[in-house]
C-alpha atoms as a PDB file:
ATOM      1  CA  MET A   1     -20.938  46.196  77.107  1.00  0.00           C
ATOM      2  CA  SER A   2     -17.755  48.239  76.166  1.00  0.00           C
ATOM      3  CA  THR A   3     -19.784  51.410  76.654  1.00  0.00           C
ATOM      4  CA  THR A   4     -22.600  50.341  78.963  1.00  0.00           C
ATOM      5  CA  PHE A   5     -20.446  49.647  82.050  1.00  0.00           C
ATOM      6  CA  PRO A   6     -18.624  53.018  81.962  1.00  0.00           C
ATOM      7  CA  LEU A   7     -21.976  54.584  81.300  1.00  0.00           C
ATOM      8  CA  LEU A   8     -23.460  52.783  84.431  1.00  0.00           C
ATOM      9  CA  LEU A   9     -20.572  53.621  86.573  1.00  0.00           C
ATOM     10  CA  GLY A  10     -20.891  57.260  85.897  1.00  0.00           C
ATOM     11  CA  ALA A  11     -24.607  57.171  86.383  1.00  0.00           C
ATOM     12  CA  LEU A  12     -24.335  55.413  89.766  1.00  0.00           C
ATOM     13  CA  LEU A  13     -21.651  57.916  90.988  1.00  0.00           C
ATOM     14  CA  ILE A  14     -23.697  60.864  89.856  1.00  0.00           C
ATOM     15  CA  GLU A  15     -26.821  59.703  91.523  1.00  0.00           C
ATOM     16  CA  ALA A  16     -25.037  58.741  94.809  1.00  0.00           C
ATOM     17  CA  ALA A  17     -23.490  62.181  94.972  1.00  0.00           C
ATOM     18  CA  LEU A  18     -26.438  64.329  93.782  1.00  0.00           C
ATOM     19  CA  GLY A  19     -29.645  62.302  93.686  1.00  0.00           C
ATOM     20  CA  TYR A  20     -32.204  64.093  91.397  1.00  0.00           C
ATOM     21  CA  PRO A  21     -31.862  67.722  92.114  1.00  0.00           C
ATOM     22  CA  ALA A  22     -34.995  69.519  93.349  1.00  0.00           C
ATOM     23  CA  PRO A  23     -34.627  72.477  90.866  1.00  0.00           C
ATOM     24  CA  ILE A  24     -34.549  69.997  87.847  1.00  0.00           C
ATOM     25  CA  PHE A  25     -37.686  68.200  89.309  1.00  0.00           C
ATOM     26  CA  ALA A  26     -39.533  71.499  89.726  1.00  0.00           C
ATOM     27  CA  ALA A  27     -38.571  72.592  86.158  1.00  0.00           C
ATOM     28  CA  ILE A  28     -39.220  69.357  84.142  1.00  0.00           C
ATOM     29  CA  ARG A  29     -40.481  66.881  86.713  1.00  0.00           C
ATOM     30  CA  HIS A  30     -38.905  63.341  86.507  1.00  0.00           C
ATOM     31  CA  PRO A  31     -38.823  60.680  83.781  1.00  0.00           C
ATOM     32  CA  VAL A  32     -40.805  58.355  86.045  1.00  0.00           C
ATOM     33  CA  VAL A  33     -43.461  61.119  86.323  1.00  0.00           C
ATOM     34  CA  TRP A  34     -43.575  61.282  82.395  1.00  0.00           C
ATOM     35  CA  MET A  35     -44.021  57.477  82.266  1.00  0.00           C
ATOM     36  CA  GLY A  36     -46.747  57.630  84.912  1.00  0.00           C
ATOM     37  CA  ALA A  37     -48.613  60.196  82.966  1.00  0.00           C
ATOM     38  CA  LEU A  38     -48.598  57.954  79.851  1.00  0.00           C
ATOM     39  CA  ILE A  39     -49.711  54.945  81.856  1.00  0.00           C
ATOM     40  CA  GLY A  40     -52.509  56.901  83.426  1.00  0.00           C
ATOM     41  CA  VAL A  41     -53.721  58.017  79.995  1.00  0.00           C
ATOM     42  CA  LEU A  42     -53.687  54.379  78.698  1.00  0.00           C
ATOM     43  CA  ASP A  43     -55.537  53.261  81.813  1.00  0.00           C
ATOM     44  CA  ARG A  44     -58.240  55.736  81.383  1.00  0.00           C
ATOM     45  CA  ARG A  45     -58.791  55.184  77.697  1.00  0.00           C
ATOM     46  CA  TRP A  46     -58.221  51.466  77.255  1.00  0.00           C
ATOM     47  CA  ASN A  47     -59.275  49.863  80.573  1.00  0.00           C
ATOM     48  CA  ASP A  48     -62.957  49.703  80.070  1.00  0.00           C
ATOM     49  CA  PRO A  49     -64.782  47.940  82.986  1.00  0.00           C
ATOM     50  CA  ALA A  50     -67.604  47.039  80.660  1.00  0.00           C
ATOM     51  CA  LEU A  51     -65.301  44.675  78.507  1.00  0.00           C
ATOM     52  CA  ALA A  52     -64.803  41.069  79.435  1.00  0.00           C
ATOM     53  CA  ALA A  53     -61.565  40.092  81.127  1.00  0.00           C
ATOM     54  CA  PRO A  54     -59.813  38.531  78.073  1.00  0.00           C
ATOM     55  CA  ARG A  55     -60.150  41.771  76.100  1.00  0.00           C
ATOM     56  CA  ARG A  56     -59.044  43.956  79.043  1.00  0.00           C
ATOM     57  CA  ARG A  57     -56.016  41.661  79.399  1.00  0.00           C
ATOM     58  CA  ALA A  58     -55.293  42.039  75.577  1.00  0.00           C
ATOM     59  CA  ARG A  59     -55.449  45.852  75.990  1.00  0.00           C
ATOM     60  CA  GLY A  60     -53.179  45.662  78.945  1.00  0.00           C
ATOM     61  CA  VAL A  61     -50.690  43.781  76.798  1.00  0.00           C
ATOM     62  CA  ALA A  62     -50.993  46.502  74.068  1.00  0.00           C
ATOM     63  CA  ALA A  63     -50.578  49.277  76.821  1.00  0.00           C
ATOM     64  CA  VAL A  64     -47.356  47.625  77.927  1.00  0.00           C
ATOM     65  CA  LEU A  65     -45.963  47.490  74.393  1.00  0.00           C
ATOM     66  CA  VAL A  66     -46.798  51.124  73.768  1.00  0.00           C
ATOM     67  CA  LEU A  67     -45.077  52.064  77.006  1.00  0.00           C
ATOM     68  CA  LEU A  68     -42.011  50.039  76.059  1.00  0.00           C
ATOM     69  CA  LEU A  69     -41.873  51.723  72.522  1.00  0.00           C
ATOM     70  CA  ALA A  70     -42.235  55.047  74.127  1.00  0.00           C
ATOM     71  CA  SER A  71     -39.272  54.481  76.363  1.00  0.00           C
ATOM     72  CA  LEU A  72     -36.993  52.383  74.306  1.00  0.00           C
ATOM     73  CA  VAL A  73     -37.222  54.363  71.044  1.00  0.00           C
ATOM     74  CA  PRO A  74     -36.339  57.861  72.342  1.00  0.00           C
ATOM     75  CA  ALA A  75     -33.660  56.499  74.544  1.00  0.00           C
ATOM     76  CA  GLY A  76     -32.112  54.318  71.818  1.00  0.00           C
ATOM     77  CA  LEU A  77     -32.157  57.137  69.239  1.00  0.00           C
ATOM     78  CA  LEU A  78     -30.600  59.519  71.762  1.00  0.00           C
ATOM     79  CA  GLN A  79     -27.856  57.043  72.749  1.00  0.00           C
ATOM     80  CA  ALA A  80     -27.137  56.179  69.151  1.00  0.00           C
ATOM     81  CA  ALA A  81     -26.850  59.829  68.189  1.00  0.00           C
ATOM     82  CA  LEU A  82     -24.661  60.795  71.001  1.00  0.00           C
ATOM     83  CA  LEU A  83     -22.211  57.890  70.410  1.00  0.00           C
ATOM     84  CA  HIS A  84     -22.148  58.580  66.654  1.00  0.00           C
ATOM     85  CA  PHE A  85     -21.704  62.371  66.610  1.00  0.00           C
ATOM     86  CA  LEU A  86     -19.549  62.897  69.747  1.00  0.00           C
ATOM     87  CA  PRO A  87     -16.341  61.365  70.827  1.00  0.00           C
ATOM     88  CA  GLN A  88     -16.903  58.600  73.302  1.00  0.00           C
ATOM     89  CA  ALA A  89     -15.151  60.649  75.984  1.00  0.00           C
ATOM     90  CA  ALA A  90     -17.778  63.311  75.629  1.00  0.00           C
ATOM     91  CA  ALA A  91     -20.807  61.042  74.910  1.00  0.00           C
ATOM     92  CA  LEU A  92     -20.537  58.768  77.775  1.00  0.00           C
ATOM     93  CA  PRO A  93     -20.638  61.448  80.528  1.00  0.00           C
ATOM     94  CA  LEU A  94     -23.867  63.042  78.958  1.00  0.00           C
ATOM     95  CA  LEU A  95     -25.419  59.469  78.713  1.00  0.00           C
ATOM     96  CA  ALA A  96     -24.399  58.877  82.414  1.00  0.00           C
ATOM     97  CA  LEU A  97     -25.965  62.098  83.400  1.00  0.00           C
ATOM     98  CA  LEU A  98     -29.244  61.123  81.764  1.00  0.00           C
ATOM     99  CA  ALA A  99     -29.166  57.624  83.172  1.00  0.00           C
ATOM    100  CA  ALA A 100     -28.386  58.927  86.633  1.00  0.00           C
ATOM    101  CA  SER A 101     -32.075  60.176  86.812  1.00  0.00           C
ATOM    102  CA  LEU A 102     -33.289  56.510  87.003  1.00  0.00           C
ATOM    103  CA  PRO A 103     -31.686  54.604  89.902  1.00  0.00           C
ATOM    104  CA  ALA A 104     -32.804  55.657  93.449  1.00  0.00           C
ATOM    105  CA  GLN A 105     -29.744  54.931  95.656  1.00  0.00           C
ATOM    106  CA  ARG A 106     -29.719  58.448  97.396  1.00  0.00           C
ATOM    107  CA  SER A 107     -33.528  58.994  97.480  1.00  0.00           C
ATOM    108  CA  LEU A 108     -34.238  55.641  98.940  1.00  0.00           C
ATOM    109  CA  HIS A 109     -31.727  56.225 101.694  1.00  0.00           C
ATOM    110  CA  GLU A 110     -33.164  59.570 102.520  1.00  0.00           C
ATOM    111  CA  HIS A 111     -36.723  58.378 102.666  1.00  0.00           C
ATOM    112  CA  VAL A 112     -35.825  55.405 104.987  1.00  0.00           C
ATOM    113  CA  ARG A 113     -33.458  57.529 107.164  1.00  0.00           C
ATOM    114  CA  ALA A 114     -36.411  59.911 107.509  1.00  0.00           C
ATOM    115  CA  VAL A 115     -38.432  57.141 109.326  1.00  0.00           C
ATOM    116  CA  ALA A 116     -35.492  56.610 111.806  1.00  0.00           C
ATOM    117  CA  GLU A 117     -35.389  60.369 112.378  1.00  0.00           C
ATOM    118  CA  GLY A 118     -39.136  60.696 112.753  1.00  0.00           C
ATOM    119  CA  LEU A 119     -39.231  58.214 115.465  1.00  0.00           C
ATOM    120  CA  GLU A 120     -36.313  59.624 117.247  1.00  0.00           C
ATOM    121  CA  ARG A 121     -37.505  63.205 117.052  1.00  0.00           C
ATOM    122  CA  ASP A 122     -41.287  62.916 117.158  1.00  0.00           C
ATOM    123  CA  GLY A 123     -42.135  59.459 118.407  1.00  0.00           C
ATOM    124  CA  LEU A 124     -44.811  57.233 116.989  1.00  0.00           C
ATOM    125  CA  GLN A 125     -46.591  60.011 115.013  1.00  0.00           C
ATOM    126  CA  GLY A 126     -43.245  61.052 113.416  1.00  0.00           C
ATOM    127  CA  GLY A 127     -42.463  57.518 112.415  1.00  0.00           C
ATOM    128  CA  ARG A 128     -45.987  56.902 111.120  1.00  0.00           C
ATOM    129  CA  ALA A 129     -45.859  60.125 108.913  1.00  0.00           C
ATOM    130  CA  ALA A 130     -42.467  59.248 107.515  1.00  0.00           C
ATOM    131  CA  VAL A 131     -43.158  55.534 106.829  1.00  0.00           C
ATOM    132  CA  SER A 132     -46.475  56.358 104.956  1.00  0.00           C
ATOM    133  CA  MET A 133     -44.374  57.983 102.299  1.00  0.00           C
ATOM    134  CA  ILE A 134     -42.664  54.646 101.496  1.00  0.00           C
ATOM    135  CA  VAL A 135     -45.167  51.803 102.222  1.00  0.00           C
ATOM    136  CA  GLY A 136     -48.791  51.100 101.278  1.00  0.00           C
ATOM    137  CA  ARG A 137     -49.990  49.729 104.608  1.00  0.00           C
ATOM    138  CA  ASN A 138     -52.137  51.789 107.050  1.00  0.00           C
ATOM    139  CA  PRO A 139     -49.702  53.760 109.227  1.00  0.00           C
ATOM    140  CA  GLU A 140     -52.150  54.168 111.984  1.00  0.00           C
ATOM    141  CA  SER A 141     -52.215  50.357 112.641  1.00  0.00           C
ATOM    142  CA  LEU A 142     -48.388  50.362 113.158  1.00  0.00           C
ATOM    143  CA  ASP A 143     -46.625  50.402 116.462  1.00  0.00           C
ATOM    144  CA  GLU A 144     -42.861  51.281 116.584  1.00  0.00           C
ATOM    145  CA  PRO A 145     -41.547  47.729 115.946  1.00  0.00           C
ATOM    146  CA  ALA A 146     -43.933  47.407 112.924  1.00  0.00           C
ATOM    147  CA  ILE A 147     -42.800  50.822 111.562  1.00  0.00           C
ATOM    148  CA  CYS A 148     -39.228  49.783 111.824  1.00  0.00           C
ATOM    149  CA  ARG A 149     -39.925  46.405 110.089  1.00  0.00           C
ATOM    150  CA  ALA A 150     -41.934  48.134 107.375  1.00  0.00           C
ATOM    151  CA  ALA A 151     -39.056  50.613 106.721  1.00  0.00           C
ATOM    152  CA  ILE A 152     -36.388  47.842 106.639  1.00  0.00           C
ATOM    153  CA  GLU A 153     -38.667  45.745 104.325  1.00  0.00           C
ATOM    154  CA  SER A 154     -39.027  48.622 101.923  1.00  0.00           C
ATOM    155  CA  LEU A 155     -35.385  49.362 102.014  1.00  0.00           C
ATOM    156  CA  ALA A 156     -34.580  45.838 101.165  1.00  0.00           C
ATOM    157  CA  GLU A 157     -37.209  45.424  98.367  1.00  0.00           C
ATOM    158  CA  ASN A 158     -36.558  48.745  96.825  1.00  0.00           C
ATOM    159  CA  PHE A 159     -32.820  48.096  96.842  1.00  0.00           C
ATOM    160  CA  SER A 160     -33.533  45.363  94.442  1.00  0.00           C
ATOM    161  CA  ASP A 161     -36.045  46.972  92.104  1.00  0.00           C
ATOM    162  CA  GLY A 162     -34.939  50.685  92.575  1.00  0.00           C
ATOM    163  CA  VAL A 163     -31.227  50.341  92.587  1.00  0.00           C
ATOM    164  CA  VAL A 164     -29.914  46.896  91.430  1.00  0.00           C
ATOM    165  CA  ALA A 165     -32.487  46.263  88.653  1.00  0.00           C
ATOM    166  CA  PRO A 166     -31.892  49.667  86.911  1.00  0.00           C
ATOM    167  CA  ALA A 167     -28.085  49.056  87.172  1.00  0.00           C
ATOM    168  CA  PHE A 168     -28.483  45.502  85.794  1.00  0.00           C
ATOM    169  CA  TRP A 169     -30.522  46.656  82.779  1.00  0.00           C
ATOM    170  CA  CYS A 170     -28.283  49.670  82.195  1.00  0.00           C
ATOM    171  CA  GLY A 171     -25.275  47.450  82.193  1.00  0.00           C
ATOM    172  CA  ALA A 172     -27.000  45.171  79.779  1.00  0.00           C
ATOM    173  CA  ALA A 173     -28.353  47.637  77.387  1.00  0.00           C
ATOM    174  CA  GLY A 174     -27.289  51.089  78.220  1.00  0.00           C
ATOM    175  CA  LEU A 175     -29.808  53.994  78.361  1.00  0.00           C
ATOM    176  CA  PRO A 176     -32.520  52.119  76.556  1.00  0.00           C
ATOM    177  CA  GLY A 177     -32.207  49.297  78.951  1.00  0.00           C
ATOM    178  CA  ILE A 178     -32.641  51.358  82.059  1.00  0.00           C
ATOM    179  CA  ALA A 179     -35.355  53.442  80.462  1.00  0.00           C
ATOM    180  CA  ALA A 180     -37.431  50.275  79.492  1.00  0.00           C
ATOM    181  CA  TYR A 181     -36.916  48.808  82.968  1.00  0.00           C
ATOM    182  CA  LYS A 182     -38.141  51.890  84.707  1.00  0.00           C
ATOM    183  CA  ALA A 183     -41.194  51.924  82.379  1.00  0.00           C
ATOM    184  CA  VAL A 184     -42.186  48.386  83.194  1.00  0.00           C
ATOM    185  CA  ASN A 185     -41.546  48.912  86.924  1.00  0.00           C
ATOM    186  CA  THR A 186     -43.598  52.144  86.902  1.00  0.00           C
ATOM    187  CA  ALA A 187     -46.505  50.364  85.171  1.00  0.00           C
ATOM    188  CA  ASP A 188     -46.388  47.558  87.732  1.00  0.00           C
ATOM    189  CA  SER A 189     -46.527  49.995  90.574  1.00  0.00           C
ATOM    190  CA  MET A 190     -49.631  51.703  88.924  1.00  0.00           C
ATOM    191  CA  ILE A 191     -51.616  49.067  87.331  1.00  0.00           C
ATOM    192  CA  GLY A 192     -50.126  45.704  88.436  1.00  0.00           C
ATOM    193  CA  HIS A 193     -52.539  45.087  91.272  1.00  0.00           C
ATOM    194  CA  ARG A 194     -55.026  42.305  91.885  1.00  0.00           C
ATOM    195  CA  THR A 195     -58.006  44.643  92.165  1.00  0.00           C
ATOM    196  CA  PRO A 196     -61.253  44.437  90.296  1.00  0.00           C
ATOM    197  CA  ARG A 197     -60.070  47.334  88.026  1.00  0.00           C
ATOM    198  CA  HIS A 198     -56.441  46.119  87.296  1.00  0.00           C
ATOM    199  CA  GLU A 199     -56.440  42.354  87.655  1.00  0.00           C
ATOM    200  CA  ALA A 200     -56.910  41.781  84.004  1.00  0.00           C
ATOM    201  CA  PHE A 201     -55.642  45.045  82.449  1.00  0.00           C
ATOM    202  CA  GLY A 202     -52.501  44.971  84.656  1.00  0.00           C
ATOM    203  CA  TRP A 203     -51.707  41.382  84.183  1.00  0.00           C
ATOM    204  CA  ALA A 204     -48.987  41.945  81.500  1.00  0.00           C
ATOM    205  CA  ALA A 205     -47.338  44.743  83.553  1.00  0.00           C
ATOM    206  CA  ALA A 206     -47.217  42.659  86.731  1.00  0.00           C
ATOM    207  CA  ARG A 207     -45.944  39.497  85.022  1.00  0.00           C
ATOM    208  CA  LEU A 208     -43.325  41.360  82.920  1.00  0.00           C
ATOM    209  CA  ASP A 209     -42.141  43.111  86.112  1.00  0.00           C
ATOM    210  CA  ASP A 210     -41.628  39.740  87.794  1.00  0.00           C
ATOM    211  CA  VAL A 211     -39.493  38.606  84.908  1.00  0.00           C
ATOM    212  CA  VAL A 212     -37.260  41.631  84.610  1.00  0.00           C
ATOM    213  CA  ASN A 213     -36.719  41.900  88.350  1.00  0.00           C
ATOM    214  CA  LEU A 214     -35.640  38.161  88.636  1.00  0.00           C
ATOM    215  CA  PRO A 215     -31.915  38.644  88.042  1.00  0.00           C
ATOM    216  CA  ALA A 216     -31.657  41.734  90.214  1.00  0.00           C
ATOM    217  CA  SER A 217     -33.402  40.295  93.198  1.00  0.00           C
ATOM    218  CA  ARG A 218     -30.757  37.564  93.315  1.00  0.00           C
ATOM    219  CA  LEU A 219     -27.934  40.076  92.940  1.00  0.00           C
ATOM    220  CA  ALA A 220     -29.353  42.266  95.629  1.00  0.00           C
ATOM    221  CA  ALA A 221     -29.348  39.479  97.987  1.00  0.00           C
ATOM    222  CA  MET A 222     -25.776  38.669  97.110  1.00  0.00           C
ATOM    223  CA  TRP A 223     -24.719  42.399  97.581  1.00  0.00           C
ATOM    224  CA  ILE A 224     -26.511  42.448 101.062  1.00  0.00           C
ATOM    225  CA  LEU A 225     -24.786  39.090 101.998  1.00  0.00           C
ATOM    226  CA  LEU A 226     -21.400  40.532 101.077  1.00  0.00           C
ATOM    227  CA  ALA A 227     -22.109  43.748 102.894  1.00  0.00           C
ATOM    228  CA  ALA A 228     -22.977  41.758 106.089  1.00  0.00           C
ATOM    229  CA  GLY A 229     -19.631  39.909 105.783  1.00  0.00           C
ATOM    230  CA  MET A 230     -17.944  43.418 106.110  1.00  0.00           C
ATOM    231  CA  THR A 231     -20.128  44.818 108.788  1.00  0.00           C
ATOM    232  CA  ARG A 232     -19.509  44.343 112.528  1.00  0.00           C
ATOM    233  CA  GLY A 233     -22.524  43.031 114.187  1.00  0.00           C
ATOM    234  CA  ALA A 234     -24.124  41.709 110.945  1.00  0.00           C
ATOM    235  CA  ASP A 235     -24.399  37.920 110.295  1.00  0.00           C
ATOM    236  CA  ALA A 236     -23.550  36.867 106.712  1.00  0.00           C
ATOM    237  CA  ARG A 237     -24.078  33.222 107.552  1.00  0.00           C
ATOM    238  CA  GLY A 238     -27.475  34.016 108.934  1.00  0.00           C
ATOM    239  CA  ALA A 239     -28.295  36.064 105.824  1.00  0.00           C
ATOM    240  CA  TRP A 240     -27.352  33.039 103.547  1.00  0.00           C
ATOM    241  CA  ARG A 241     -29.309  30.749 105.681  1.00  0.00           C
ATOM    242  CA  ALA A 242     -32.415  32.858 105.534  1.00  0.00           C
ATOM    243  CA  VAL A 243     -32.152  33.254 101.761  1.00  0.00           C
ATOM    244  CA  ARG A 244     -31.821  29.549 101.215  1.00  0.00           C
ATOM    245  CA  ARG A 245     -34.627  28.679 103.526  1.00  0.00           C
ATOM    246  CA  ASP A 246     -37.180  31.511 103.220  1.00  0.00           C
ATOM    247  CA  ALA A 247     -36.830  33.531 100.025  1.00  0.00           C
ATOM    248  CA  ARG A 248     -38.797  31.137  97.836  1.00  0.00           C
ATOM    249  CA  ASN A 249     -41.730  31.153 100.376  1.00  0.00           C
ATOM    250  CA  HIS A 250     -42.427  34.952  99.950  1.00  0.00           C
ATOM    251  CA  ARG A 251     -45.675  35.787  98.025  1.00  0.00           C
ATOM    252  CA  SER A 252     -43.452  37.795  95.493  1.00  0.00           C
ATOM    253  CA  PRO A 253     -41.110  35.679  93.356  1.00  0.00           C
ATOM    254  CA  ASN A 254     -38.429  38.414  93.783  1.00  0.00           C
ATOM    255  CA  ALA A 255     -38.943  40.528  96.966  1.00  0.00           C
ATOM    256  CA  GLY A 256     -38.176  37.500  99.283  1.00  0.00           C
ATOM    257  CA  TRP A 257     -34.516  37.473  98.264  1.00  0.00           C
ATOM    258  CA  PRO A 258     -33.409  40.893  99.469  1.00  0.00           C
ATOM    259  CA  GLU A 259     -35.810  40.739 102.417  1.00  0.00           C
ATOM    260  CA  ALA A 260     -34.571  37.323 103.615  1.00  0.00           C
ATOM    261  CA  ALA A 261     -31.030  38.520 103.195  1.00  0.00           C
ATOM    262  CA  MET A 262     -31.574  41.613 105.262  1.00  0.00           C
ATOM    263  CA  ALA A 263     -33.584  39.723 107.931  1.00  0.00           C
ATOM    264  CA  GLY A 264     -30.793  37.201 108.368  1.00  0.00           C
ATOM    265  CA  ALA A 265     -28.095  39.655 108.410  1.00  0.00           C
ATOM    266  CA  LEU A 266     -29.781  41.682 111.115  1.00  0.00           C
ATOM    267  CA  GLY A 267     -31.144  38.829 113.277  1.00  0.00           C
ATOM    268  CA  LEU A 268     -34.756  39.987 112.566  1.00  0.00           C
ATOM    269  CA  ARG A 269     -37.999  38.493 111.229  1.00  0.00           C
ATOM    270  CA  LEU A 270     -39.474  40.495 108.258  1.00  0.00           C
ATOM    271  CA  ALA A 271     -42.545  40.268 106.058  1.00  0.00           C
ATOM    272  CA  GLY A 272     -45.116  37.925 107.729  1.00  0.00           C
ATOM    273  CA  PRO A 273     -48.809  38.730 107.861  1.00  0.00           C
ATOM    274  CA  ARG A 274     -49.632  42.518 107.521  1.00  0.00           C
ATOM    275  CA  VAL A 275     -52.441  44.816 106.624  1.00  0.00           C
ATOM    276  CA  TYR A 276     -52.783  46.998 103.551  1.00  0.00           C
ATOM    277  CA  GLY A 277     -55.749  49.324 103.937  1.00  0.00           C
ATOM    278  CA  GLN A 278     -58.370  47.082 105.164  1.00  0.00           C
ATOM    279  CA  THR A 279     -56.951  43.927 103.638  1.00  0.00           C
ATOM    280  CA  ARG A 280     -54.869  41.464 105.580  1.00  0.00           C
ATOM    281  CA  VAL A 281     -52.046  39.830 103.518  1.00  0.00           C
ATOM    282  CA  GLU A 282     -50.864  36.433 104.749  1.00  0.00           C
ATOM    283  CA  ASP A 283     -47.209  35.989 103.908  1.00  0.00           C
ATOM    284  CA  ALA A 284     -44.297  33.906 105.199  1.00  0.00           C
ATOM    285  CA  TRP A 285     -41.820  35.219 107.637  1.00  0.00           C
ATOM    286  CA  MET A 286     -38.377  35.997 106.281  1.00  0.00           C
ATOM    287  CA  GLY A 287     -35.615  35.156 108.855  1.00  0.00           C
ATOM    288  CA  ASP A 288     -35.947  33.703 112.333  1.00  0.00           C
ATOM    289  CA  GLY A 289     -34.843  36.416 114.682  1.00  0.00           C
ATOM    290  CA  ARG A 290     -36.687  39.149 116.539  1.00  0.00           C
ATOM    291  CA  ALA A 291     -39.942  40.544 115.206  1.00  0.00           C
ATOM    292  CA  ALA A 292     -39.516  43.562 117.624  1.00  0.00           C
ATOM    293  CA  ALA A 293     -37.342  45.611 115.343  1.00  0.00           C
ATOM    294  CA  THR A 294     -35.962  48.921 116.680  1.00  0.00           C
ATOM    295  CA  VAL A 295     -34.701  52.182 115.432  1.00  0.00           C
ATOM    296  CA  SER A 296     -31.177  50.868 116.075  1.00  0.00           C
ATOM    297  CA  ASP A 297     -31.970  47.923 113.781  1.00  0.00           C
ATOM    298  CA  LEU A 298     -33.220  50.494 111.138  1.00  0.00           C
ATOM    299  CA  ARG A 299     -29.874  52.424 111.454  1.00  0.00           C
ATOM    300  CA  ARG A 300     -28.040  48.967 111.023  1.00  0.00           C
ATOM    301  CA  ALA A 301     -30.053  48.225 107.969  1.00  0.00           C
ATOM    302  CA  LEU A 302     -29.059  51.699 106.444  1.00  0.00           C
ATOM    303  CA  THR A 303     -25.445  50.851 107.106  1.00  0.00           C
ATOM    304  CA  LEU A 304     -25.737  47.489 105.273  1.00  0.00           C
ATOM    305  CA  TYR A 305     -27.610  49.312 102.510  1.00  0.00           C
ATOM    306  CA  ARG A 306     -24.780  51.878 101.901  1.00  0.00           C
ATOM    307  CA  ARG A 307     -22.255  49.138 101.946  1.00  0.00           C
ATOM    308  CA  ALA A 308     -24.274  47.037  99.576  1.00  0.00           C
ATOM    309  CA  CYS A 309     -24.521  50.079  97.138  1.00  0.00           C
ATOM    310  CA  ALA A 310     -20.769  50.534  97.439  1.00  0.00           C
ATOM    311  CA  ILE A 311     -20.133  46.941  96.675  1.00  0.00           C
ATOM    312  CA  GLN A 312     -22.371  47.191  93.525  1.00  0.00           C
ATOM    313  CA  ILE A 313     -20.342  50.256  92.375  1.00  0.00           C
ATOM    314  CA  LEU A 314     -17.000  48.575  92.938  1.00  0.00           C
ATOM    315  CA  ALA A 315     -18.309  45.571  90.924  1.00  0.00           C
ATOM    316  CA  VAL A 316     -19.446  47.750  88.161  1.00  0.00           C
ATOM    317  CA  ALA A 317     -16.064  49.645  88.113  1.00  0.00           C
ATOM    318  CA  GLY A 318     -14.308  46.278  87.842  1.00  0.00           C
ATOM    319  CA  GLY A 319     -16.388  45.336  84.896  1.00  0.00           C
ATOM    320  CA  ALA A 320     -15.702  48.766  83.358  1.00  0.00           C
ATOM    321  CA  LEU A 321     -11.868  48.206  83.866  1.00  0.00           C
ATOM    322  CA  ALA A 322     -12.019  44.713  82.565  1.00  0.00           C
ATOM    323  CA  LEU A 323     -13.512  45.889  79.337  1.00  0.00           C
ATOM    324  CA  LEU A 324     -10.959  48.754  78.589  1.00  0.00           C
END
């Protein structure tokens, strides 16, 4: 803890300021791309449709173990080497720079802001094109309120698993913690689906992702609630009421917490029944406000998001100072 909180603080500040620079992505891609490549290889080689479900599930467990080893071991060795061979004042900035590639504060904000700008500049088609980059549902079936709701839902859910959860695990275990978390989260996004191909093989990835995101989803709701209390026009009491009443009714054990907090804070209804591809998903509504979300609501959600990120950074800074 004495090193992980300063490391985390540096990583969050670097990522908020710079994101993941495009020249670096062009040169070496991104750690999540490397993780995805390994998951793809394991899926192709081990997920044999001819095998019975129990054997496919066992292979999926083995795949997750391989992925965890492939992320934990290099990150752990690198962190140990830097802290051993360099003064802490030199090692921590280097570790923070490496860890800064894994949270998604800036990129999430840019992707969601692009939806608002697409609607404002190019109308429905612009909004559909932008929202298709961040959600899995068919954009052609979405009108403007549905586009805005989808973007706000994505912002809330990804605040939890793309920003708060990486920070939580970095604070708990440094570079190995954040690397292992991103490996699990990437595996869930690729193979943790209830489809004929992945229901058995991806079972371990999906269940483990639920477990590692549990603390962050509650923290994310708290950061949003605190941000609402500091934002004119937002309703902190409504956020708390929605979380207490609705979060547990979401089909995800974690996504309902930040989504309910965001819905209550903005006076909206989020989640609810929606269509992914050709499949209609029945889900509970989060919040009891308007379902007809607007671009103005999307802009308000981005304001809450920025303030929630700032609150998290301040909390981490407080933890780092307390450990000095």
